[in-house]
Protein backbone atom coordinates (compact mmCIF):
# COMPACT_ATOMS: atom_id res chain seq x y z
CA MET A 1 -57.65 13.75 32.28
CA PHE A 2 -55.68 17.09 31.20
CA THR A 3 -52.82 19.26 32.60
CA ILE A 4 -52.38 23.12 32.80
CA GLU A 5 -49.05 24.96 32.88
CA HIS A 6 -48.44 28.39 32.18
CA ASP A 7 -45.00 29.39 30.81
CA PHE A 8 -43.55 32.74 29.88
CA ASP A 9 -45.34 33.33 26.61
CA SER A 10 -48.10 30.72 26.56
CA THR A 11 -50.48 28.37 28.54
CA VAL A 12 -49.76 24.56 27.72
CA ILE A 13 -52.94 22.07 28.08
CA THR A 14 -52.14 18.31 27.79
CA LEU A 15 -54.86 16.09 26.74
CA ILE A 16 -54.68 12.52 28.13
CA ASP A 17 -56.88 10.03 26.43
CA GLU A 18 -58.24 7.66 29.30
CA GLY A 19 -60.82 6.15 27.17
CA SER A 20 -61.37 2.58 26.09
CA ALA A 21 -58.48 0.89 24.06
CA PRO A 22 -56.98 1.67 21.52
CA LEU A 23 -55.73 5.03 23.07
CA GLN A 24 -54.99 7.72 21.16
CA GLU A 25 -51.52 9.94 21.82
CA ASP A 26 -51.64 12.61 24.13
CA VAL A 27 -52.51 16.37 22.63
CA ILE A 28 -50.89 19.32 23.54
CA VAL A 29 -52.77 22.89 23.13
CA ASN A 30 -50.12 25.66 23.29
CA GLY A 31 -52.41 29.01 23.97
CA PHE A 32 -50.39 31.72 22.62
CA GLU A 33 -51.45 35.79 22.50
CA GLU A 34 -51.62 35.73 18.47
CA CYS A 35 -52.54 31.68 17.84
CA VAL A 36 -53.45 28.32 19.55
CA THR A 37 -51.52 25.62 18.36
CA PHE A 38 -52.55 21.68 18.46
CA GLU A 39 -49.83 18.97 18.29
CA GLN A 40 -50.18 14.91 18.52
CA LEU A 41 -47.67 12.16 17.99
CA ASP A 42 -48.50 10.20 14.96
CA PRO A 43 -47.39 7.11 15.86
CA ARG A 44 -47.26 5.87 12.42
CA THR A 45 -44.62 8.17 10.83
CA ASP A 46 -42.94 8.92 14.50
CA ARG A 47 -43.74 12.93 13.98
CA VAL A 48 -45.39 15.55 15.76
CA GLN A 49 -48.31 16.77 13.51
CA ARG A 50 -49.22 20.09 14.36
CA ILE A 51 -52.77 22.31 13.69
CA THR A 52 -52.49 26.31 14.01
CA LEU A 53 -55.60 27.92 14.79
CA SER A 54 -55.95 32.22 14.91
CA PRO A 55 -57.82 33.23 17.85
CA GLU A 56 -61.05 33.72 15.84
CA MET A 57 -60.79 30.29 14.42
CA VAL A 58 -60.87 29.00 18.27
CA ARG A 59 -63.68 31.18 19.45
CA ASP A 60 -65.82 29.64 16.00
CA LEU A 61 -64.58 26.45 17.32
CA LEU A 62 -65.98 26.48 20.93
CA ALA A 63 -69.13 28.28 19.81
CA ALA A 64 -69.92 25.53 16.97
CA MET A 65 -69.64 22.51 19.86
CA ASN A 66 -73.11 23.79 21.10
CA LEU A 67 -74.83 24.56 17.84
CA PRO A 68 -76.94 22.24 15.31
CA GLU A 69 -75.65 21.67 11.61
CA GLY A 70 -75.51 24.55 9.51
CA ILE A 71 -73.60 27.73 8.26
CA TYR A 72 -72.90 30.55 10.58
CA ARG A 73 -71.01 33.76 11.20
CA LEU A 74 -70.71 35.07 14.75
CA LYS A 75 -71.24 38.96 14.69
CA PRO A 76 -68.55 41.28 16.51
CA ALA A 77 -69.41 42.32 20.16
CA THR A 78 -70.74 45.85 20.13
């Protein structure tokens, strides 16, 4: 399950684990113009962990979801 909200400067997607136990903490994805952040509470430390990706890294991640093993470099659109 997930939710989508549009804030002033970002789009916020919250991913909610509905799989089998043990369930993972929710993941919050903030999409800004200059970057995308992923945040998740670490229950062991009770701190939020954050990963920041550039738009190019997000593009590569989405492309990688449908490719077999290997090393790739996406060509810029012409």
